[in-house]
């Protein structure tokens, strides 16, 4: 980890936020060699941060020992070039244990997953995330989804904690998100730097809408297997190139969402299949997830090529005859 505050490093990312898959070998054990190669390739391709062992990384399927080994490997591969954020979840006691394991492994921060199974009152959620944030010296991003949905007033209270630096939204309720942003701004008592992330599956698909309410950060699972497309979309958003952004939405992200929705768990297993299609054997998903069928993998193969072509065409149009930014190609 570095001495630079995590929030400052995440606020204006140079590229997509990278959520690597976790590699498993033929014997079902974690394959740290393949995992290291995957993380290294993502950083080299332009990932602005590594979110290790989170949803795409099958956090639910990892033992604490596997989790810590993967986080440590991500930290070593990053070598301070980009921040490494690790998941922490389940009940409060286990979430604290994972948080401390991540801190020992050298992580820069935590993505706090929803508590296991139970639906709690707002006061219970507030206590859970406060105890988690108090347990280590790491900054925390709280993940809103499923059974962890907050009122604006609760988020404003969470934002006052010195180590809770942001909210990742996996709910998709823009009315609620606007209320949260307004509440933090007006009730948060000096927390103007609080971060917001679009954390919906295939977040690029909804990012134009989130961008409209001021949520400029988003997770990118597609970056795992189509970095050219994810980088092109990220660049188009930053440059205000609506034509390229909408071309990628229509030709790649929209079809990807429809393919993702054709099978349960495809938000993870399709990503892993995509990484394998690009030449790195990261193994299958662990139960209870299942692999996509042959037709889905074929559709993903075609879609990756379509996305790469759309991204390349957009880059060529932006560059003009003299290459990128008017320079020599």
Protein backbone atom coordinates (compact mmCIF):
# COMPACT_ATOMS: atom_id res chain seq x y z
CA UNK A 1 0.00 0.00 0.00
CA UNK A 2 1.04 3.62 -0.49
CA UNK A 3 0.71 6.65 1.74
CA UNK A 4 -1.62 8.41 -0.73
CA UNK A 5 -5.26 8.42 0.43
CA UNK A 6 -7.33 5.80 -1.36
CA UNK A 7 -10.12 8.25 -2.17
CA UNK A 8 -7.71 10.56 -3.97
CA UNK A 9 -6.34 7.68 -6.03
CA UNK A 10 -9.82 6.52 -7.05
CA UNK A 11 -11.51 9.87 -7.63
CA UNK A 12 -10.35 10.48 -11.21
CA UNK A 13 -9.24 7.07 -12.51
CA UNK A 14 -6.94 6.84 -15.50
CA UNK A 15 -8.77 3.77 -16.73
CA UNK A 16 -11.50 1.27 -15.83
CA UNK A 17 -11.72 -0.16 -12.33
CA UNK A 18 -10.55 -3.77 -12.69
CA UNK A 19 -12.39 -6.62 -10.94
CA UNK A 20 -10.30 -9.71 -11.74
CA UNK A 21 -11.65 -13.24 -11.71
CA UNK A 22 -10.04 -15.74 -9.35
CA UNK A 23 -8.17 -18.50 -11.16
CA UNK A 24 -8.63 -22.17 -10.25
CA UNK A 25 -6.50 -25.05 -11.47
CA UNK A 26 -7.51 -28.51 -12.73
CA UNK A 27 -7.56 -29.81 -9.14
CA UNK A 28 -9.98 -27.05 -8.10
CA UNK A 29 -7.42 -25.21 -5.97
CA UNK A 30 -6.60 -21.53 -6.42
CA UNK A 31 -4.04 -21.11 -9.22
CA UNK A 32 -1.95 -18.20 -7.99
CA UNK A 33 0.27 -18.25 -11.09
CA UNK A 34 -2.66 -17.73 -13.45
CA UNK A 35 -4.21 -15.22 -11.05
CA UNK A 36 -1.01 -13.20 -10.96
CA UNK A 37 -0.83 -13.23 -14.76
CA UNK A 38 -4.45 -12.04 -14.98
CA UNK A 39 -3.92 -9.21 -12.48
CA UNK A 40 -0.64 -8.18 -14.10
CA UNK A 41 -2.22 -8.11 -17.56
CA UNK A 42 -5.09 -5.96 -16.32
CA UNK A 43 -2.79 -3.43 -14.71
CA UNK A 44 -0.56 -3.33 -17.77
CA UNK A 45 -3.62 -2.82 -19.99
CA UNK A 46 -4.63 0.30 -18.05
CA UNK A 47 -6.74 -0.80 -15.09
CA UNK A 48 -6.79 2.08 -12.60
CA UNK A 49 -7.39 -0.08 -9.51
CA UNK A 50 -7.62 -3.77 -8.66
CA UNK A 51 -10.69 -4.89 -6.71
CA UNK A 52 -9.49 -8.32 -5.61
CA UNK A 53 -11.73 -11.22 -4.58
CA UNK A 54 -14.96 -9.28 -4.98
CA UNK A 55 -18.13 -10.44 -6.75
CA UNK A 56 -16.48 -11.21 -10.09
CA UNK A 57 -13.65 -12.82 -8.12
CA UNK A 58 -16.04 -15.30 -6.43
CA UNK A 59 -15.53 -13.96 -2.91
CA UNK A 60 -18.35 -16.23 -1.74
CA UNK A 61 -16.42 -19.33 -2.84
CA UNK A 62 -13.03 -18.59 -1.23
CA UNK A 63 -11.73 -19.74 2.12
CA UNK A 64 -10.12 -17.07 4.29
CA UNK A 65 -6.69 -18.53 3.50
CA UNK A 66 -7.31 -18.46 -0.26
CA UNK A 67 -8.67 -14.94 0.01
CA UNK A 68 -5.59 -13.64 1.79
CA UNK A 69 -3.23 -15.36 -0.64
CA UNK A 70 -5.00 -13.80 -3.62
CA UNK A 71 -5.06 -10.33 -2.08
CA UNK A 72 -1.36 -10.59 -1.26
CA UNK A 73 -0.63 -11.68 -4.83
CA UNK A 74 -2.60 -8.73 -6.22
CA UNK A 75 -0.70 -6.35 -3.94
CA UNK A 76 2.63 -7.79 -5.09
CA UNK A 77 1.69 -7.56 -8.77
CA UNK A 78 0.46 -4.01 -8.34
CA UNK A 79 3.65 -2.97 -6.52
CA UNK A 80 2.00 0.35 -5.68
CA UNK A 81 1.21 1.26 -9.28
CA UNK A 82 -2.53 1.14 -8.62
CA UNK A 83 -4.50 0.64 -5.39
CA UNK A 84 -5.75 -2.79 -4.39
CA UNK A 85 -9.18 -3.00 -2.74
CA UNK A 86 -10.32 -6.32 -1.26
CA UNK A 87 -13.78 -7.58 -0.34
CA UNK A 88 -15.02 -8.12 3.21
CA UNK A 89 -18.38 -9.68 3.93
CA UNK A 90 -20.72 -12.12 5.66
CA UNK A 91 -21.73 -11.42 9.28
CA UNK A 92 -19.92 -8.76 11.25
CA UNK A 93 -17.41 -11.09 12.93
CA UNK A 94 -16.39 -12.74 9.65
CA UNK A 95 -16.36 -9.43 7.79
CA UNK A 96 -13.94 -8.10 10.39
CA UNK A 97 -11.78 -11.21 9.99
CA UNK A 98 -11.61 -10.77 6.22
CA UNK A 99 -10.85 -7.08 6.68
CA UNK A 100 -7.91 -7.86 8.94
CA UNK A 101 -6.63 -10.53 6.56
CA UNK A 102 -6.78 -7.97 3.74
CA UNK A 103 -4.91 -5.43 5.85
CA UNK A 104 -2.21 -8.00 6.68
CA UNK A 105 -1.91 -8.78 2.96
CA UNK A 106 -1.21 -5.12 2.20
CA UNK A 107 -4.50 -4.03 0.65
CA UNK A 108 -5.22 -0.31 0.32
CA UNK A 109 -8.93 -0.55 1.12
CA UNK A 110 -12.04 -2.67 1.48
CA UNK A 111 -15.22 -3.19 -0.51
CA UNK A 112 -17.78 -4.06 2.17
CA UNK A 113 -20.16 -6.66 0.76
CA UNK A 114 -23.71 -7.05 2.10
CA UNK A 115 -24.15 -9.05 5.33
CA UNK A 116 -24.97 -12.69 4.83
CA UNK A 117 -28.65 -13.48 4.16
CA UNK A 118 -30.40 -11.47 6.87
CA UNK A 119 -32.50 -8.38 6.18
CA UNK A 120 -31.70 -5.81 8.84
CA UNK A 121 -33.06 -2.49 10.02
CA UNK A 122 -31.09 0.65 9.18
CA UNK A 123 -29.64 0.86 12.70
CA UNK A 124 -28.35 -2.70 12.38
CA UNK A 125 -26.72 -1.95 9.03
CA UNK A 126 -25.18 1.20 10.45
CA UNK A 127 -23.72 -0.75 13.36
CA UNK A 128 -22.41 -3.51 11.07
CA UNK A 129 -20.53 -1.18 8.72
CA UNK A 130 -19.30 1.03 11.56
CA UNK A 131 -17.80 -1.97 13.38
CA UNK A 132 -16.19 -3.12 10.14
CA UNK A 133 -14.70 0.30 9.48
CA UNK A 134 -13.45 0.50 13.08
CA UNK A 135 -11.70 -2.88 12.85
CA UNK A 136 -8.73 -1.83 10.66
CA UNK A 137 -6.95 1.23 9.38
CA UNK A 138 -8.22 0.61 5.84
CA UNK A 139 -10.64 2.88 4.01
CA UNK A 140 -14.00 1.29 3.22
CA UNK A 141 -16.40 1.47 0.28
CA UNK A 142 -19.86 0.19 1.23
CA UNK A 143 -21.66 -1.92 -1.37
CA UNK A 144 -25.42 -1.28 -1.60
CA UNK A 145 -27.33 -4.22 -3.07
CA UNK A 146 -29.65 -7.11 -2.26
CA UNK A 147 -30.28 -7.06 1.51
CA UNK A 148 -28.11 -3.98 2.18
CA UNK A 149 -30.16 -1.04 0.91
CA UNK A 150 -29.81 2.26 2.74
CA UNK A 151 -31.94 5.29 3.30
CA UNK A 152 -30.29 8.60 2.39
CA UNK A 153 -30.06 9.47 6.08
CA UNK A 154 -28.16 6.25 6.84
CA UNK A 155 -25.61 6.90 4.09
CA UNK A 156 -25.14 10.44 5.39
CA UNK A 157 -24.33 8.97 8.81
CA UNK A 158 -21.97 6.38 7.31
CA UNK A 159 -20.21 9.11 5.34
CA UNK A 160 -19.27 10.85 8.58
CA UNK A 161 -17.06 7.92 9.56
CA UNK A 162 -13.45 8.90 8.80
CA UNK A 163 -12.70 5.60 7.04
CA UNK A 164 -15.93 5.11 5.05
CA UNK A 165 -15.07 6.89 1.82
CA UNK A 166 -17.74 5.84 -0.64
CA UNK A 167 -20.83 3.92 -1.70
CA UNK A 168 -21.00 1.44 -4.55
CA UNK A 169 -24.55 1.05 -5.83
CA UNK A 170 -25.73 -2.31 -7.12
CA UNK A 171 -29.40 -1.47 -6.68
CA UNK A 172 -30.02 0.64 -9.78
CA UNK A 173 -32.59 2.96 -8.21
CA UNK A 174 -31.58 6.39 -9.54
CA UNK A 175 -34.25 8.15 -7.48
CA UNK A 176 -32.75 6.65 -4.32
CA UNK A 177 -29.21 7.45 -5.46
CA UNK A 178 -30.11 11.09 -6.11
CA UNK A 179 -31.61 11.24 -2.63
CA UNK A 180 -28.45 9.73 -1.15
CA UNK A 181 -26.18 12.18 -2.95
CA UNK A 182 -28.31 15.09 -1.81
CA UNK A 183 -28.43 13.85 1.79
CA UNK A 184 -24.68 13.37 2.01
CA UNK A 185 -24.13 16.79 0.49
CA UNK A 186 -26.49 18.54 2.91
CA UNK A 187 -26.27 16.39 6.06
CA UNK A 188 -22.86 14.81 5.89
CA UNK A 189 -21.00 17.59 7.68
CA UNK A 190 -17.93 18.22 5.57
CA UNK A 191 -17.85 15.01 3.50
CA UNK A 192 -17.81 16.63 0.07
CA UNK A 193 -15.19 14.11 -1.09
CA UNK A 194 -17.45 11.07 -0.61
CA UNK A 195 -17.25 8.75 -3.63
CA UNK A 196 -20.06 7.07 -5.56
CA UNK A 197 -19.72 4.06 -7.84
CA UNK A 198 -22.09 2.40 -10.28
CA UNK A 199 -21.82 -1.23 -9.25
CA UNK A 200 -24.54 -2.82 -11.36
CA UNK A 201 -23.58 -5.88 -13.41
CA UNK A 202 -22.12 -4.73 -16.74
CA UNK A 203 -22.08 -1.23 -15.31
CA UNK A 204 -21.23 0.45 -18.60
CA UNK A 205 -24.76 -0.33 -19.82
CA UNK A 206 -26.25 2.10 -17.27
CA UNK A 207 -23.31 4.45 -16.84
CA UNK A 208 -24.66 7.26 -19.03
CA UNK A 209 -27.65 7.48 -16.69
CA UNK A 210 -25.47 7.38 -13.58
CA UNK A 211 -23.15 9.96 -15.09
CA UNK A 212 -26.14 12.27 -15.41
CA UNK A 213 -26.58 12.40 -11.61
CA UNK A 214 -22.87 12.85 -10.97
CA UNK A 215 -21.78 9.22 -10.44
CA UNK A 216 -18.69 9.02 -12.64
CA UNK A 217 -17.01 5.91 -11.17
CA UNK A 218 -18.06 2.40 -12.16
CA UNK A 219 -16.90 -1.19 -12.01
CA UNK A 220 -15.96 -2.92 -15.25
CA UNK A 221 -16.21 -6.70 -15.43
CA UNK A 222 -15.90 -6.50 -19.22
CA UNK A 223 -12.38 -5.12 -18.78
CA UNK A 224 -11.34 -8.64 -17.69
CA UNK A 225 -11.86 -10.07 -21.18
CA UNK A 226 -12.36 -7.09 -23.53
CA UNK A 227 -9.95 -4.42 -22.27
CA UNK A 228 -9.88 -2.64 -25.63
CA UNK A 229 -13.64 -2.15 -25.51
CA UNK A 230 -13.72 -1.13 -21.85
CA UNK A 231 -10.89 1.37 -22.37
CA UNK A 232 -12.60 2.81 -25.44
CA UNK A 233 -15.84 3.29 -23.54
CA UNK A 234 -14.06 4.82 -20.55
CA UNK A 235 -12.19 7.20 -22.83
CA UNK A 236 -15.35 8.13 -24.70
CA UNK A 237 -17.08 9.04 -21.43
CA UNK A 238 -14.17 11.18 -20.29
CA UNK A 239 -13.91 12.92 -23.67
CA UNK A 240 -17.64 13.47 -24.07
CA UNK A 241 -17.61 11.33 -27.22
CA UNK A 242 -21.27 10.31 -27.12
CA UNK A 243 -21.12 8.81 -30.62
CA UNK A 244 -18.48 6.26 -29.66
CA UNK A 245 -20.07 5.55 -26.27
CA UNK A 246 -23.47 4.84 -27.81
CA UNK A 247 -21.92 2.76 -30.61
CA UNK A 248 -20.28 0.55 -27.99
CA UNK A 249 -23.51 0.36 -26.00
CA UNK A 250 -25.50 -0.70 -29.04
CA UNK A 251 -22.99 -3.13 -30.55
CA UNK A 252 -21.32 -4.62 -27.49
CA UNK A 253 -22.73 -3.80 -24.06
CA UNK A 254 -26.41 -4.18 -24.91
CA UNK A 255 -25.93 -7.62 -26.50
CA UNK A 256 -23.64 -8.57 -23.62
CA UNK A 257 -26.35 -7.70 -21.08
CA UNK A 258 -28.88 -9.81 -22.97
CA UNK A 259 -26.43 -12.72 -23.10
CA UNK A 260 -25.60 -12.28 -19.42
CA UNK A 261 -29.30 -12.42 -18.53
CA UNK A 262 -29.80 -15.67 -20.43
CA UNK A 263 -28.36 -17.78 -17.60
CA UNK A 264 -28.16 -17.64 -13.82
CA UNK A 265 -24.73 -16.65 -12.56
CA UNK A 266 -23.56 -15.60 -16.01
CA UNK A 267 -22.50 -12.22 -14.60
CA UNK A 268 -19.50 -14.16 -13.25
CA UNK A 269 -19.19 -17.32 -15.34
CA UNK A 270 -19.39 -15.48 -18.69
CA UNK A 271 -16.61 -13.15 -17.58
CA UNK A 272 -14.45 -16.12 -16.69
CA UNK A 273 -15.24 -17.75 -20.03
CA UNK A 274 -14.22 -14.53 -21.73
CA UNK A 275 -10.85 -14.53 -19.98
CA UNK A 276 -10.27 -18.09 -21.18
CA UNK A 277 -11.25 -17.10 -24.71
CA UNK A 278 -8.52 -14.46 -24.63
CA UNK A 279 -5.90 -17.14 -23.94
CA UNK A 280 -5.48 -17.38 -20.16
CA UNK A 281 -6.77 -20.55 -18.49
CA UNK A 282 -8.32 -19.33 -15.25
CA UNK A 283 -10.36 -22.49 -14.81
CA UNK A 284 -14.10 -22.83 -14.23
CA UNK A 285 -16.32 -21.20 -11.64
CA UNK A 286 -16.83 -22.97 -8.34
CA UNK A 287 -20.20 -24.35 -7.25
CA UNK A 288 -22.93 -23.33 -6.88
CA UNK A 289 -22.21 -21.33 -10.07
CA UNK A 290 -22.20 -23.22 -13.37
CA UNK A 291 -20.44 -22.73 -16.66
CA UNK A 292 -22.21 -21.08 -19.63
CA UNK A 293 -23.38 -23.47 -22.30
CA UNK A 294 -21.66 -23.90 -25.65
CA UNK A 295 -24.04 -21.57 -27.47
CA UNK A 296 -23.42 -18.80 -24.95
CA UNK A 297 -19.65 -19.17 -25.27
CA UNK A 298 -19.94 -19.02 -29.07
CA UNK A 299 -22.09 -15.90 -28.78
CA UNK A 300 -19.54 -14.34 -26.44
CA UNK A 301 -16.72 -15.13 -28.89
CA UNK A 302 -18.55 -13.31 -31.67
CA UNK A 303 -19.47 -10.45 -29.38
CA UNK A 304 -15.88 -9.83 -28.31
CA UNK A 305 -14.86 -9.51 -31.94
CA UNK A 306 -17.77 -7.18 -32.64
CA UNK A 307 -16.85 -5.03 -29.66
CA UNK A 308 -13.19 -4.85 -30.65
CA UNK A 309 -14.17 -3.83 -34.17
CA UNK A 310 -16.50 -1.11 -32.88
CA UNK A 311 -13.81 0.21 -30.53
CA UNK A 312 -11.20 0.21 -33.29
CA UNK A 313 -13.53 2.02 -35.68
CA UNK A 314 -14.25 4.61 -33.05
CA UNK A 315 -10.56 5.11 -32.33
CA UNK A 316 -9.85 5.52 -36.03
CA UNK A 317 -12.60 8.10 -36.44
CA UNK A 318 -11.35 10.06 -33.43
CA UNK A 319 -7.74 9.93 -34.59
CA UNK A 320 -8.30 11.09 -38.14
CA UNK A 321 -5.73 10.61 -40.89
CA UNK A 322 -2.79 11.74 -38.75
CA UNK A 323 -3.30 9.40 -35.82
CA UNK A 324 -4.39 9.90 -32.19
CA UNK A 325 -4.67 13.48 -30.95
CA UNK A 326 -3.34 14.73 -34.29
CA UNK A 327 0.07 13.12 -33.75
CA UNK A 328 1.90 10.64 -35.94
CA UNK A 329 0.18 7.25 -35.99
